[in-house]
Amino acid sequence: MADKPSRSLVLYGDGLARFINPSSSHNHHLHSLASLSSCGLLSLSHSPHPETEDQRIVTEFALLLDASSQIDDPPKQTLPHRFMGMKAAIFTNHSGLKSFSSNLGLSVIQLDEFLKQHTSESQDNDAVAAELLNLLGFQEGKVQDNSQFDIVFLHVGAGEKVDGSEENADVEWVDAFVGAIMRQAQPGSDVGSRLHLSVVMSYGKVLAEDESRFSVSKKVDEKDSCFSTLYPLQSYGMKGGVPRKDVRHHSPMLIAQLQYGVTRKDNAHKFSFQDFTESGGNLTIPADRLLHEIAFKLWKAPKYGA
């Protein structure tokens, strides 16, 4: 564990996973991040009722905050109450996320207005990255003793167009932004040693073929094996020693996490479902455990799990 608390940036590409080009010549900043990071999958839940796209967006973000029970009811505890005064912000254009996040105690910032303030027609992603890092207490490559926020979420994707762009363009923007962050968080730098960067990409609305293309459950040959009954339930399908009843065994979120000297590099080389499944070091964890894991690195929560 680091000798000082981390500060966290979570870049959430909502529905963008299916648009990432697996070729190393495309989206190369995302692939470069994956090659340096600890990678894995975040399992989601089946929705008990048909959802609109706006409802799905809020539901899946709520899972990342382990706050699904508070979507329809007033929150019993805000994020600062749950995580030792954690100061959190979200950049988003989505009205449902803004309302939900505000109720949970997050500071809400309109994404497109922020981008207009800090970019020119040439899309200066380095300026945007520097300003976001300033909010986390990173100024001109140095770490300030105090910061406005401990964790910042940046939500881009489904229902969240950057300057009215389409999904492929959103992925290109995210890729360029990841490159800008990595330029300012080099190995051995003050920023690189204290910034905990998480890039999360979801598949958004599930398509008919997704169950067969993006399955995280046991393979068919394992199920048919005479040893199949000896396989225990995977940990993402359990909670408190009891099997989860609503686990969706396909179309997980993809996640790559990087903090030099803290996260462990695995064998993944591309930001893709196949590479994370075959070579990722984190395998699959429930999406509602993510914030607990990050909060531990911010010194805002006890260690969850092993």
C-alpha atoms as a PDB file:
ATOM      1  CA  MET A   1       0.000   0.000   0.000  1.00  0.00           C
ATOM      2  CA  ALA A   2       1.195   3.547  -0.765  1.00  0.00           C
ATOM      3  CA  ASP A   3       2.531   5.710   2.072  1.00  0.00           C
ATOM      4  CA  LYS A   4       0.099   8.510   1.159  1.00  0.00           C
ATOM      5  CA  PRO A   5      -3.544   8.437   0.026  1.00  0.00           C
ATOM      6  CA  SER A   6      -4.187   8.336  -3.687  1.00  0.00           C
ATOM      7  CA  ARG A   7      -6.489  10.660  -5.586  1.00  0.00           C
ATOM      8  CA  SER A   8      -8.733   9.110  -8.157  1.00  0.00           C
ATOM      9  CA  LEU A   9      -9.926   9.875 -11.672  1.00  0.00           C
ATOM     10  CA  VAL A  10     -12.571   7.509 -13.055  1.00  0.00           C
ATOM     11  CA  LEU A  11     -13.214   7.860 -16.781  1.00  0.00           C
ATOM     12  CA  TYR A  12     -16.470   6.077 -17.580  1.00  0.00           C
ATOM     13  CA  GLY A  13     -17.244   5.358 -21.246  1.00  0.00           C
ATOM     14  CA  ASP A  14     -20.948   4.502 -21.091  1.00  0.00           C
ATOM     15  CA  GLY A  15     -21.816   2.127 -23.943  1.00  0.00           C
ATOM     16  CA  LEU A  16     -18.480   2.676 -25.697  1.00  0.00           C
ATOM     17  CA  ALA A  17     -16.827  -0.731 -25.198  1.00  0.00           C
ATOM     18  CA  ARG A  18     -18.269  -2.167 -28.413  1.00  0.00           C
ATOM     19  CA  PHE A  19     -16.823   0.713 -30.451  1.00  0.00           C
ATOM     20  CA  ILE A  20     -13.181   0.294 -29.383  1.00  0.00           C
ATOM     21  CA  ASN A  21     -11.101  -0.852 -32.345  1.00  0.00           C
ATOM     22  CA  PRO A  22      -8.993  -3.888 -31.362  1.00  0.00           C
ATOM     23  CA  SER A  23      -6.297  -2.941 -33.873  1.00  0.00           C
ATOM     24  CA  SER A  24      -3.179  -1.577 -32.223  1.00  0.00           C
ATOM     25  CA  SER A  25      -3.090   1.190 -34.832  1.00  0.00           C
ATOM     26  CA  HIS A  26      -6.426   2.545 -33.555  1.00  0.00           C
ATOM     27  CA  ASN A  27      -7.306   3.731 -30.045  1.00  0.00           C
ATOM     28  CA  HIS A  28      -3.643   3.249 -29.240  1.00  0.00           C
ATOM     29  CA  HIS A  29      -3.738   5.245 -26.005  1.00  0.00           C
ATOM     30  CA  LEU A  30      -6.394   2.910 -24.588  1.00  0.00           C
ATOM     31  CA  HIS A  31      -4.349  -0.117 -25.666  1.00  0.00           C
ATOM     32  CA  SER A  32      -1.199   1.438 -24.204  1.00  0.00           C
ATOM     33  CA  LEU A  33      -3.010   1.999 -20.915  1.00  0.00           C
ATOM     34  CA  ALA A  34      -4.184  -1.623 -20.871  1.00  0.00           C
ATOM     35  CA  SER A  35      -0.622  -2.848 -21.452  1.00  0.00           C
ATOM     36  CA  LEU A  36       0.542  -1.005 -18.320  1.00  0.00           C
ATOM     37  CA  SER A  37      -2.471  -1.615 -16.099  1.00  0.00           C
ATOM     38  CA  SER A  38      -4.290  -4.093 -13.946  1.00  0.00           C
ATOM     39  CA  CYS A  39      -7.266  -5.120 -16.091  1.00  0.00           C
ATOM     40  CA  GLY A  40     -10.491  -6.987 -15.508  1.00  0.00           C
ATOM     41  CA  LEU A  41     -14.262  -7.146 -15.799  1.00  0.00           C
ATOM     42  CA  LEU A  42     -17.110  -5.709 -13.715  1.00  0.00           C
ATOM     43  CA  SER A  43     -20.248  -7.837 -13.688  1.00  0.00           C
ATOM     44  CA  LEU A  44     -23.641  -6.151 -13.810  1.00  0.00           C
ATOM     45  CA  SER A  45     -27.125  -7.139 -12.707  1.00  0.00           C
ATOM     46  CA  HIS A  46     -30.182  -8.065 -14.710  1.00  0.00           C
ATOM     47  CA  SER A  47     -32.798  -5.372 -14.539  1.00  0.00           C
ATOM     48  CA  PRO A  48     -36.009  -6.801 -13.016  1.00  0.00           C
ATOM     49  CA  HIS A  49     -38.105  -4.539 -15.259  1.00  0.00           C
ATOM     50  CA  PRO A  50     -37.809  -3.185 -18.808  1.00  0.00           C
ATOM     51  CA  GLU A  51     -35.754  -0.003 -18.768  1.00  0.00           C
ATOM     52  CA  THR A  52     -35.561   3.087 -20.888  1.00  0.00           C
ATOM     53  CA  GLU A  53     -32.086   4.149 -21.963  1.00  0.00           C
ATOM     54  CA  ASP A  54     -32.118   6.969 -19.424  1.00  0.00           C
ATOM     55  CA  GLN A  55     -33.015   4.522 -16.649  1.00  0.00           C
ATOM     56  CA  ARG A  56     -30.242   2.139 -17.719  1.00  0.00           C
ATOM     57  CA  ILE A  57     -27.675   4.931 -17.570  1.00  0.00           C
ATOM     58  CA  VAL A  58     -28.596   5.818 -13.990  1.00  0.00           C
ATOM     59  CA  THR A  59     -28.954   2.177 -12.903  1.00  0.00           C
ATOM     60  CA  GLU A  60     -25.490   1.153 -14.126  1.00  0.00           C
ATOM     61  CA  PHE A  61     -23.780   4.209 -12.651  1.00  0.00           C
ATOM     62  CA  ALA A  62     -25.574   3.545  -9.366  1.00  0.00           C
ATOM     63  CA  LEU A  63     -24.059   0.047  -9.375  1.00  0.00           C
ATOM     64  CA  LEU A  64     -20.567   1.542  -9.636  1.00  0.00           C
ATOM     65  CA  LEU A  65     -21.327   3.565  -6.502  1.00  0.00           C
ATOM     66  CA  ASP A  66     -22.973   0.611  -4.718  1.00  0.00           C
ATOM     67  CA  ALA A  67     -26.064   2.784  -4.437  1.00  0.00           C
ATOM     68  CA  SER A  68     -28.691   0.861  -6.416  1.00  0.00           C
ATOM     69  CA  SER A  69     -31.089   0.836  -3.477  1.00  0.00           C
ATOM     70  CA  GLN A  70     -31.108   4.617  -3.452  1.00  0.00           C
ATOM     71  CA  ILE A  71     -32.267   5.234  -7.029  1.00  0.00           C
ATOM     72  CA  ASP A  72     -35.945   5.531  -6.140  1.00  0.00           C
ATOM     73  CA  ASP A  73     -35.670   6.320  -2.434  1.00  0.00           C
ATOM     74  CA  PRO A  74     -34.040   9.298  -0.714  1.00  0.00           C
ATOM     75  CA  PRO A  75     -30.473   8.327   0.187  1.00  0.00           C
ATOM     76  CA  LYS A  76     -30.025   7.260   3.788  1.00  0.00           C
ATOM     77  CA  GLN A  77     -26.331   8.088   3.582  1.00  0.00           C
ATOM     78  CA  THR A  78     -24.438  10.231   1.104  1.00  0.00           C
ATOM     79  CA  LEU A  79     -21.040   9.256  -0.290  1.00  0.00           C
ATOM     80  CA  PRO A  80     -19.205  11.512   2.196  1.00  0.00           C
ATOM     81  CA  HIS A  81     -21.042   9.777   5.053  1.00  0.00           C
ATOM     82  CA  ARG A  82     -20.309   6.295   3.716  1.00  0.00           C
ATOM     83  CA  PHE A  83     -16.657   6.935   2.870  1.00  0.00           C
ATOM     84  CA  MET A  84     -15.105   9.044   5.640  1.00  0.00           C
ATOM     85  CA  GLY A  85     -15.842  12.457   4.178  1.00  0.00           C
ATOM     86  CA  MET A  86     -14.890  11.558   0.608  1.00  0.00           C
ATOM     87  CA  LYS A  87     -15.130  14.619  -1.652  1.00  0.00           C
ATOM     88  CA  ALA A  88     -16.472  13.488  -5.035  1.00  0.00           C
ATOM     89  CA  ALA A  89     -17.514  15.161  -8.281  1.00  0.00           C
ATOM     90  CA  ILE A  90     -19.070  14.006 -11.532  1.00  0.00           C
ATOM     91  CA  PHE A  91     -18.814  15.625 -14.961  1.00  0.00           C
ATOM     92  CA  THR A  92     -21.902  14.746 -16.978  1.00  0.00           C
ATOM     93  CA  ASN A  93     -24.528  16.160 -19.328  1.00  0.00           C
ATOM     94  CA  HIS A  94     -27.152  13.579 -18.390  1.00  0.00           C
ATOM     95  CA  SER A  95     -30.004  15.106 -16.366  1.00  0.00           C
ATOM     96  CA  GLY A  96     -30.873  11.850 -14.589  1.00  0.00           C
ATOM     97  CA  LEU A  97     -27.272  11.304 -13.483  1.00  0.00           C
ATOM     98  CA  LYS A  98     -26.987  14.904 -12.336  1.00  0.00           C
ATOM     99  CA  SER A  99     -30.035  14.589 -10.095  1.00  0.00           C
ATOM    100  CA  PHE A 100     -29.064  11.158  -8.736  1.00  0.00           C
ATOM    101  CA  SER A 101     -25.446  12.150  -8.090  1.00  0.00           C
ATOM    102  CA  SER A 102     -26.420  15.392  -6.381  1.00  0.00           C
ATOM    103  CA  ASN A 103     -28.683  13.477  -3.991  1.00  0.00           C
ATOM    104  CA  LEU A 104     -25.716  11.260  -3.102  1.00  0.00           C
ATOM    105  CA  GLY A 105     -23.561  14.246  -2.194  1.00  0.00           C
ATOM    106  CA  LEU A 106     -21.443  14.526  -5.342  1.00  0.00           C
ATOM    107  CA  SER A 107     -20.631  17.908  -6.823  1.00  0.00           C
ATOM    108  CA  VAL A 108     -22.150  18.000 -10.320  1.00  0.00           C
ATOM    109  CA  ILE A 109     -20.437  19.790 -13.213  1.00  0.00           C
ATOM    110  CA  GLN A 110     -21.903  20.134 -16.707  1.00  0.00           C
ATOM    111  CA  LEU A 111     -19.466  18.323 -19.008  1.00  0.00           C
ATOM    112  CA  ASP A 112     -19.982  20.225 -22.256  1.00  0.00           C
ATOM    113  CA  GLU A 113     -19.687  23.605 -20.542  1.00  0.00           C
ATOM    114  CA  PHE A 114     -16.470  22.509 -18.872  1.00  0.00           C
ATOM    115  CA  LEU A 115     -15.040  21.344 -22.200  1.00  0.00           C
ATOM    116  CA  LYS A 116     -15.947  24.622 -23.905  1.00  0.00           C
ATOM    117  CA  GLN A 117     -14.151  26.550 -21.177  1.00  0.00           C
ATOM    118  CA  HIS A 118     -10.944  24.558 -21.473  1.00  0.00           C
ATOM    119  CA  THR A 119     -10.674  23.559 -25.126  1.00  0.00           C
ATOM    120  CA  SER A 120     -10.297  25.403 -28.376  1.00  0.00           C
ATOM    121  CA  GLU A 121     -11.357  24.371 -31.861  1.00  0.00           C
ATOM    122  CA  SER A 122      -8.257  22.171 -31.936  1.00  0.00           C
ATOM    123  CA  GLN A 123      -9.561  20.185 -28.932  1.00  0.00           C
ATOM    124  CA  ASP A 124      -6.721  20.760 -26.506  1.00  0.00           C
ATOM    125  CA  ASN A 125      -7.099  17.632 -24.392  1.00  0.00           C
ATOM    126  CA  ASP A 126      -3.947  18.481 -22.454  1.00  0.00           C
ATOM    127  CA  ALA A 127      -5.673  21.601 -21.116  1.00  0.00           C
ATOM    128  CA  VAL A 128      -8.725  19.573 -20.067  1.00  0.00           C
ATOM    129  CA  ALA A 129      -6.535  16.942 -18.410  1.00  0.00           C
ATOM    130  CA  ALA A 130      -4.544  19.609 -16.541  1.00  0.00           C
ATOM    131  CA  GLU A 131      -7.695  21.282 -15.251  1.00  0.00           C
ATOM    132  CA  LEU A 132      -9.191  17.995 -14.052  1.00  0.00           C
ATOM    133  CA  LEU A 133      -5.943  17.121 -12.309  1.00  0.00           C
ATOM    134  CA  ASN A 134      -5.972  20.555 -10.657  1.00  0.00           C
ATOM    135  CA  LEU A 135      -9.280  19.624  -9.037  1.00  0.00           C
ATOM    136  CA  LEU A 136      -7.526  16.586  -7.562  1.00  0.00           C
ATOM    137  CA  GLY A 137      -4.665  18.697  -6.196  1.00  0.00           C
ATOM    138  CA  PHE A 138      -2.148  18.106  -9.000  1.00  0.00           C
ATOM    139  CA  GLN A 139      -0.772  21.444 -10.166  1.00  0.00           C
ATOM    140  CA  GLU A 140       2.090  21.833 -12.629  1.00  0.00           C
ATOM    141  CA  GLY A 141       3.283  18.309 -11.915  1.00  0.00           C
ATOM    142  CA  LYS A 142       3.292  18.740  -8.147  1.00  0.00           C
ATOM    143  CA  VAL A 143       0.958  17.281  -5.515  1.00  0.00           C
ATOM    144  CA  GLN A 144      -0.706  19.842  -3.265  1.00  0.00           C
ATOM    145  CA  ASP A 145      -1.406  18.991   0.366  1.00  0.00           C
ATOM    146  CA  ASN A 146      -5.112  19.700  -0.108  1.00  0.00           C
ATOM    147  CA  SER A 147      -7.422  19.126  -3.030  1.00  0.00           C
ATOM    148  CA  GLN A 148     -10.921  20.195  -3.979  1.00  0.00           C
ATOM    149  CA  PHE A 149     -11.895  16.554  -4.607  1.00  0.00           C
ATOM    150  CA  ASP A 150     -10.629  13.098  -3.672  1.00  0.00           C
ATOM    151  CA  ILE A 151     -12.305  11.430  -6.655  1.00  0.00           C
ATOM    152  CA  VAL A 152     -13.659  12.715  -9.955  1.00  0.00           C
ATOM    153  CA  PHE A 153     -15.946  10.779 -12.330  1.00  0.00           C
ATOM    154  CA  LEU A 154     -16.019  11.752 -16.001  1.00  0.00           C
ATOM    155  CA  HIS A 155     -19.052  10.280 -17.791  1.00  0.00           C
ATOM    156  CA  VAL A 156     -18.967  10.094 -21.593  1.00  0.00           C
ATOM    157  CA  GLY A 157     -21.017   7.971 -23.959  1.00  0.00           C
ATOM    158  CA  ALA A 158     -24.629   6.875 -24.294  1.00  0.00           C
ATOM    159  CA  GLY A 159     -26.839   9.903 -23.883  1.00  0.00           C
ATOM    160  CA  GLU A 160     -23.701  11.879 -23.100  1.00  0.00           C
ATOM    161  CA  LYS A 161     -22.362  13.136 -26.423  1.00  0.00           C
ATOM    162  CA  VAL A 162     -19.207  15.179 -26.468  1.00  0.00           C
ATOM    163  CA  ASP A 163     -20.070  18.195 -28.633  1.00  0.00           C
ATOM    164  CA  GLY A 164     -22.906  16.221 -30.230  1.00  0.00           C
ATOM    165  CA  SER A 165     -20.603  13.509 -31.573  1.00  0.00           C
ATOM    166  CA  GLU A 166     -21.432   9.873 -32.280  1.00  0.00           C
ATOM    167  CA  GLU A 167     -20.111   6.844 -30.379  1.00  0.00           C
ATOM    168  CA  ASN A 168     -17.043   6.259 -32.560  1.00  0.00           C
ATOM    169  CA  ALA A 169     -16.056   9.903 -32.173  1.00  0.00           C
ATOM    170  CA  ASP A 170     -16.631   9.647 -28.428  1.00  0.00           C
ATOM    171  CA  VAL A 171     -14.202   6.722 -28.289  1.00  0.00           C
ATOM    172  CA  GLU A 172     -11.634   8.757 -30.215  1.00  0.00           C
ATOM    173  CA  TRP A 173     -12.064  11.615 -27.739  1.00  0.00           C
ATOM    174  CA  VAL A 174     -11.703   9.274 -24.768  1.00  0.00           C
ATOM    175  CA  ASP A 175      -8.613   7.734 -26.351  1.00  0.00           C
ATOM    176  CA  ALA A 176      -7.015  11.148 -26.843  1.00  0.00           C
ATOM    177  CA  PHE A 177      -7.946  12.211 -23.314  1.00  0.00           C
ATOM    178  CA  VAL A 178      -6.374   9.054 -21.842  1.00  0.00           C
ATOM    179  CA  GLY A 179      -3.207   9.937 -23.749  1.00  0.00           C
ATOM    180  CA  ALA A 180      -3.249  13.434 -22.248  1.00  0.00           C
ATOM    181  CA  ILE A 181      -3.625  12.067 -18.715  1.00  0.00           C
ATOM    182  CA  MET A 182      -0.823   9.560 -19.216  1.00  0.00           C
ATOM    183  CA  ARG A 183       1.516  12.300 -20.463  1.00  0.00           C
ATOM    184  CA  GLN A 184       1.020  14.121 -17.175  1.00  0.00           C
ATOM    185  CA  ALA A 185       1.264  11.004 -14.999  1.00  0.00           C
ATOM    186  CA  GLN A 186       4.577   9.565 -16.136  1.00  0.00           C
ATOM    187  CA  PRO A 187       6.358   6.789 -14.213  1.00  0.00           C
ATOM    188  CA  GLY A 188       8.428   8.269 -11.410  1.00  0.00           C
ATOM    189  CA  SER A 189       6.569  11.573 -11.405  1.00  0.00           C
ATOM    190  CA  ASP A 190       4.710  12.954  -8.405  1.00  0.00           C
ATOM    191  CA  VAL A 191       1.428  12.762 -10.316  1.00  0.00           C
ATOM    192  CA  GLY A 192       2.062   9.200 -11.521  1.00  0.00           C
ATOM    193  CA  SER A 193       2.715   7.969  -7.995  1.00  0.00           C
ATOM    194  CA  ARG A 194      -0.432   9.526  -6.459  1.00  0.00           C
ATOM    195  CA  LEU A 195      -3.033   9.431  -9.268  1.00  0.00           C
ATOM    196  CA  HIS A 196      -5.200   6.309  -9.321  1.00  0.00           C
ATOM    197  CA  LEU A 197      -6.639   6.205 -12.855  1.00  0.00           C
ATOM    198  CA  SER A 198      -9.569   3.916 -13.704  1.00  0.00           C
ATOM    199  CA  VAL A 199     -10.929   3.664 -17.244  1.00  0.00           C
ATOM    200  CA  VAL A 200     -14.266   1.858 -17.322  1.00  0.00           C
ATOM    201  CA  MET A 201     -16.043   0.972 -20.572  1.00  0.00           C
ATOM    202  CA  SER A 202     -19.523  -0.551 -20.670  1.00  0.00           C
ATOM    203  CA  TYR A 203     -21.510  -2.117 -23.516  1.00  0.00           C
ATOM    204  CA  GLY A 204     -24.603  -0.072 -22.751  1.00  0.00           C
ATOM    205  CA  LYS A 205     -27.856  -1.450 -24.097  1.00  0.00           C
ATOM    206  CA  VAL A 206     -27.512  -5.225 -24.524  1.00  0.00           C
ATOM    207  CA  LEU A 207     -27.851  -6.590 -28.058  1.00  0.00           C
ATOM    208  CA  ALA A 208     -29.180 -10.037 -29.005  1.00  0.00           C
ATOM    209  CA  GLU A 209     -25.733 -11.455 -29.830  1.00  0.00           C
ATOM    210  CA  ASP A 210     -23.980 -10.107 -26.720  1.00  0.00           C
ATOM    211  CA  GLU A 211     -24.755 -13.116 -24.517  1.00  0.00           C
ATOM    212  CA  SER A 212     -22.715 -15.396 -26.765  1.00  0.00           C
ATOM    213  CA  ARG A 213     -20.002 -12.851 -27.658  1.00  0.00           C
ATOM    214  CA  PHE A 214     -19.265 -11.448 -24.209  1.00  0.00           C
ATOM    215  CA  SER A 215     -19.964 -14.258 -21.743  1.00  0.00           C
ATOM    216  CA  VAL A 216     -18.020 -14.280 -18.458  1.00  0.00           C
ATOM    217  CA  SER A 217     -19.454 -17.564 -17.178  1.00  0.00           C
ATOM    218  CA  LYS A 218     -17.805 -20.988 -17.488  1.00  0.00           C
ATOM    219  CA  LYS A 219     -17.100 -22.190 -20.999  1.00  0.00           C
ATOM    220  CA  VAL A 220     -19.287 -24.815 -22.632  1.00  0.00           C
ATOM    221  CA  ASP A 221     -16.569 -27.449 -22.549  1.00  0.00           C
ATOM    222  CA  GLU A 222     -16.160 -26.855 -18.812  1.00  0.00           C
ATOM    223  CA  LYS A 223     -19.888 -27.266 -18.227  1.00  0.00           C
ATOM    224  CA  ASP A 224     -19.948 -30.524 -20.167  1.00  0.00           C
ATOM    225  CA  SER A 225     -16.920 -31.908 -18.359  1.00  0.00           C
ATOM    226  CA  CYS A 226     -17.359 -34.714 -15.818  1.00  0.00           C
ATOM    227  CA  PHE A 227     -15.643 -32.347 -13.373  1.00  0.00           C
ATOM    228  CA  SER A 228     -18.154 -29.516 -13.918  1.00  0.00           C
ATOM    229  CA  THR A 229     -19.859 -30.078 -10.547  1.00  0.00           C
ATOM    230  CA  LEU A 230     -16.540 -29.491  -8.814  1.00  0.00           C
ATOM    231  CA  TYR A 231     -16.305 -25.910 -10.083  1.00  0.00           C
ATOM    232  CA  PRO A 232     -17.350 -23.466  -7.336  1.00  0.00           C
ATOM    233  CA  LEU A 233     -19.478 -20.443  -8.096  1.00  0.00           C
ATOM    234  CA  GLN A 234     -17.257 -17.599  -9.230  1.00  0.00           C
ATOM    235  CA  SER A 235     -16.828 -14.882  -6.616  1.00  0.00           C
ATOM    236  CA  TYR A 236     -18.634 -12.252  -8.664  1.00  0.00           C
ATOM    237  CA  GLY A 237     -21.762 -14.400  -8.334  1.00  0.00           C
ATOM    238  CA  MET A 238     -21.628 -14.335  -4.518  1.00  0.00           C
ATOM    239  CA  LYS A 239     -22.388 -11.745  -1.857  1.00  0.00           C
ATOM    240  CA  GLY A 240     -22.003 -12.429   1.847  1.00  0.00           C
ATOM    241  CA  GLY A 241     -21.560 -16.136   1.118  1.00  0.00           C
ATOM    242  CA  VAL A 242     -24.921 -16.287  -0.653  1.00  0.00           C
ATOM    243  CA  PRO A 243     -25.347 -16.617  -4.446  1.00  0.00           C
ATOM    244  CA  ARG A 244     -26.550 -13.418  -6.104  1.00  0.00           C
ATOM    245  CA  LYS A 245     -29.854 -14.010  -7.868  1.00  0.00           C
ATOM    246  CA  ASP A 246     -29.683 -11.204 -10.406  1.00  0.00           C
ATOM    247  CA  VAL A 247     -26.180 -11.593 -11.867  1.00  0.00           C
ATOM    248  CA  ARG A 248     -25.850 -10.995 -15.596  1.00  0.00           C
ATOM    249  CA  HIS A 249     -23.217 -13.395 -16.903  1.00  0.00           C
ATOM    250  CA  HIS A 250     -22.452 -11.455 -20.064  1.00  0.00           C
ATOM    251  CA  SER A 251     -21.702  -7.940 -21.325  1.00  0.00           C
ATOM    252  CA  PRO A 252     -19.661  -6.803 -18.302  1.00  0.00           C
ATOM    253  CA  MET A 253     -17.878  -3.500 -18.000  1.00  0.00           C
ATOM    254  CA  LEU A 254     -14.198  -3.494 -18.964  1.00  0.00           C
ATOM    255  CA  ILE A 255     -11.819  -1.816 -16.532  1.00  0.00           C
ATOM    256  CA  ALA A 256      -8.132  -0.886 -16.600  1.00  0.00           C
ATOM    257  CA  GLN A 257      -6.540   0.665 -13.513  1.00  0.00           C
ATOM    258  CA  LEU A 258      -3.148   2.312 -13.278  1.00  0.00           C
ATOM    259  CA  GLN A 259      -1.168   3.872 -10.464  1.00  0.00           C
ATOM    260  CA  TYR A 260       2.566   3.452 -10.634  1.00  0.00           C
ATOM    261  CA  GLY A 261       3.916   1.546  -7.652  1.00  0.00           C
ATOM    262  CA  VAL A 262       0.413   0.546  -6.510  1.00  0.00           C
ATOM    263  CA  THR A 263      -1.416  -1.403  -9.228  1.00  0.00           C
ATOM    264  CA  ARG A 264       0.085  -4.586 -10.623  1.00  0.00           C
ATOM    265  CA  LYS A 265       0.728  -4.933 -14.333  1.00  0.00           C
ATOM    266  CA  ASP A 266      -0.812  -8.060 -15.862  1.00  0.00           C
ATOM    267  CA  ASN A 267      -0.455  -9.692 -19.282  1.00  0.00           C
ATOM    268  CA  ALA A 268      -3.223  -7.800 -21.103  1.00  0.00           C
ATOM    269  CA  HIS A 269      -2.006  -5.750 -24.060  1.00  0.00           C
ATOM    270  CA  LYS A 270      -5.214  -4.469 -25.628  1.00  0.00           C
ATOM    271  CA  PHE A 271      -8.285  -2.806 -24.214  1.00  0.00           C
ATOM    272  CA  SER A 272     -10.670  -5.566 -25.263  1.00  0.00           C
ATOM    273  CA  PHE A 273     -13.022  -8.147 -23.792  1.00  0.00           C
ATOM    274  CA  GLN A 274     -10.994 -11.041 -25.182  1.00  0.00           C
ATOM    275  CA  ASP A 275      -7.659  -9.783 -23.863  1.00  0.00           C
ATOM    276  CA  PHE A 276      -9.062  -8.892 -20.441  1.00  0.00           C
ATOM    277  CA  THR A 277     -10.752 -12.305 -20.199  1.00  0.00           C
ATOM    278  CA  GLU A 278      -7.649 -14.259 -21.220  1.00  0.00           C
ATOM    279  CA  SER A 279      -4.880 -12.120 -19.711  1.00  0.00           C
ATOM    280  CA  GLY A 280      -6.385  -9.668 -17.223  1.00  0.00           C
ATOM    281  CA  GLY A 281      -5.191  -9.957 -13.652  1.00  0.00           C
ATOM    282  CA  ASN A 282      -8.426  -9.021 -11.912  1.00  0.00           C
ATOM    283  CA  LEU A 283     -10.776 -11.505 -13.608  1.00  0.00           C
ATOM    284  CA  THR A 284     -14.411 -10.565 -12.795  1.00  0.00           C
ATOM    285  CA  ILE A 285     -15.693  -8.682  -9.742  1.00  0.00           C
ATOM    286  CA  PRO A 286     -19.178  -7.251  -9.093  1.00  0.00           C
ATOM    287  CA  ALA A 287     -19.501  -3.655 -10.293  1.00  0.00           C
ATOM    288  CA  ASP A 288     -20.822  -2.614  -6.878  1.00  0.00           C
ATOM    289  CA  ARG A 289     -17.434  -3.419  -5.301  1.00  0.00           C
ATOM    290  CA  LEU A 290     -15.468  -0.965  -7.461  1.00  0.00           C
ATOM    291  CA  LEU A 291     -15.896   2.166  -5.356  1.00  0.00           C
ATOM    292  CA  HIS A 292     -15.017   0.239  -2.189  1.00  0.00           C
ATOM    293  CA  GLU A 293     -11.722  -0.840  -3.779  1.00  0.00           C
ATOM    294  CA  ILE A 294     -10.913   2.691  -4.943  1.00  0.00           C
ATOM    295  CA  ALA A 295     -11.915   4.223  -1.595  1.00  0.00           C
ATOM    296  CA  PHE A 296      -9.410   1.950   0.145  1.00  0.00           C
ATOM    297  CA  LYS A 297      -6.622   3.469  -1.955  1.00  0.00           C
ATOM    298  CA  LEU A 298      -7.898   6.929  -1.047  1.00  0.00           C
ATOM    299  CA  TRP A 299      -7.707   5.938   2.638  1.00  0.00           C
ATOM    300  CA  LYS A 300     -11.490   6.358   2.837  1.00  0.00           C
ATOM    301  CA  ALA A 301     -12.501   2.719   3.452  1.00  0.00           C
ATOM    302  CA  PRO A 302     -11.095  -0.530   4.883  1.00  0.00           C
ATOM    303  CA  LYS A 303      -9.804  -3.137   2.491  1.00  0.00           C
ATOM    304  CA  TYR A 304     -12.562  -5.107   0.760  1.00  0.00           C
ATOM    305  CA  GLY A 305     -11.898  -8.765  -0.047  1.00  0.00           C
ATOM    306  CA  ALA A 306      -8.502 -10.447  -0.240  1.00  0.00           C
END
